[in-house]
Amino acid sequence: MNISVELTFSPLQEDYELHIINFIKKLRGSSLTVLENPLSTQIYGPYDAVMKVLFVDIKEAFGMMDKGLLFMKVVKSDRSEYEPHF
């Protein structure tokens, strides 16, 4: 089963940019499809593989900061090829 995950990662501290950059670079190092835009990061792939990567990378990112917030949306399908029809 493939999934699509949208993440919005918000470290709640002054050096937030470094934490976001490190988190995205770590995700890019996986074998998953990772796409970014100015507001969020999307990850696509098999459920078990995506969740395994997120389990490790979120824990590591949270461990490197004082306070943080992560919004996550999960869709049961691979939406990486989505194109608007309008």
Protein backbone atom coordinates (compact mmCIF):
# COMPACT_ATOMS: atom_id res chain seq x y z
CA MET A 1 0.00 0.00 0.00
CA ASN A 2 1.42 3.36 -1.04
CA ILE A 3 0.88 6.58 0.88
CA SER A 4 1.46 10.29 0.52
CA VAL A 5 2.48 12.33 3.57
CA GLU A 6 2.54 16.10 3.87
CA LEU A 7 4.67 17.54 6.67
CA THR A 8 4.85 21.06 8.02
CA PHE A 9 7.73 21.25 10.48
CA SER A 10 7.96 24.28 12.78
CA PRO A 11 10.75 24.47 15.33
CA LEU A 12 9.59 27.01 17.91
CA GLN A 13 12.91 28.74 18.47
CA GLU A 14 15.09 31.41 16.88
CA ASP A 15 17.39 29.10 14.89
CA TYR A 16 14.44 27.36 13.24
CA GLU A 17 15.82 27.47 9.66
CA LEU A 18 18.78 25.21 10.45
CA HIS A 19 16.48 22.59 11.98
CA ILE A 20 14.15 22.61 8.97
CA ILE A 21 17.04 22.35 6.51
CA ASN A 22 18.59 19.44 8.42
CA PHE A 23 15.24 17.63 8.60
CA ILE A 24 14.61 17.98 4.85
CA LYS A 25 18.16 16.92 3.96
CA LYS A 26 17.73 13.80 6.09
CA LEU A 27 14.46 12.97 4.30
CA ARG A 28 16.12 13.52 0.91
CA GLY A 29 18.73 10.92 1.85
CA SER A 30 16.08 8.20 1.95
CA SER A 31 15.02 6.12 -1.05
CA LEU A 32 11.57 7.77 -0.97
CA THR A 33 10.20 10.44 -3.29
CA VAL A 34 10.52 13.77 -1.44
CA LEU A 35 9.14 17.05 -2.82
CA GLU A 36 9.29 20.44 -1.14
CA ASN A 37 7.53 23.75 -1.49
CA PRO A 38 7.73 26.89 0.66
CA LEU A 39 5.01 25.67 3.05
CA SER A 40 5.50 21.91 3.39
CA THR A 41 7.37 18.77 2.42
CA GLN A 42 5.72 15.78 0.78
CA ILE A 43 6.94 12.19 0.99
CA TYR A 44 5.65 9.35 -1.18
CA GLY A 45 6.18 5.61 -1.07
CA PRO A 46 5.17 2.30 0.51
CA TYR A 47 3.52 2.73 3.93
CA ASP A 48 6.09 0.72 5.90
CA ALA A 49 9.06 2.46 4.29
CA VAL A 50 7.64 5.97 4.77
CA MET A 51 6.70 5.37 8.39
CA LYS A 52 10.08 3.81 9.17
CA VAL A 53 11.89 6.88 7.83
CA LEU A 54 9.55 9.31 9.61
CA PHE A 55 9.79 7.42 12.91
CA VAL A 56 13.58 7.83 12.96
CA ASP A 57 13.87 11.30 11.41
CA ILE A 58 11.15 12.98 13.48
CA LYS A 59 12.60 11.60 16.72
CA GLU A 60 16.07 12.80 15.75
CA ALA A 61 14.80 16.27 14.73
CA PHE A 62 12.82 16.70 17.95
CA GLY A 63 15.86 15.60 19.97
CA MET A 64 17.94 18.41 18.48
CA MET A 65 15.61 21.27 19.48
CA ASP A 66 14.01 22.71 22.58
CA LYS A 67 10.47 23.05 21.23
CA GLY A 68 8.87 22.08 17.95
CA LEU A 69 5.64 21.40 16.15
CA LEU A 70 4.97 18.98 13.29
CA PHE A 71 1.74 18.80 11.30
CA MET A 72 1.32 15.59 9.33
CA LYS A 73 -1.34 14.59 6.80
CA VAL A 74 -1.45 11.04 5.45
CA VAL A 75 -3.33 9.99 2.31
CA LYS A 76 -3.79 6.34 1.36
CA SER A 77 -2.50 6.61 -2.22
CA ASP A 78 0.58 7.82 -4.04
CA ARG A 79 -0.28 11.37 -5.13
CA SER A 80 3.22 12.22 -6.39
CA GLU A 81 2.02 12.39 -10.01
CA TYR A 82 -0.90 14.72 -9.23
CA GLU A 83 -1.48 17.53 -11.69
CA PRO A 84 -4.32 20.05 -11.42
CA HIS A 85 -7.03 19.65 -14.07
CA PHE A 86 -7.97 23.33 -14.31
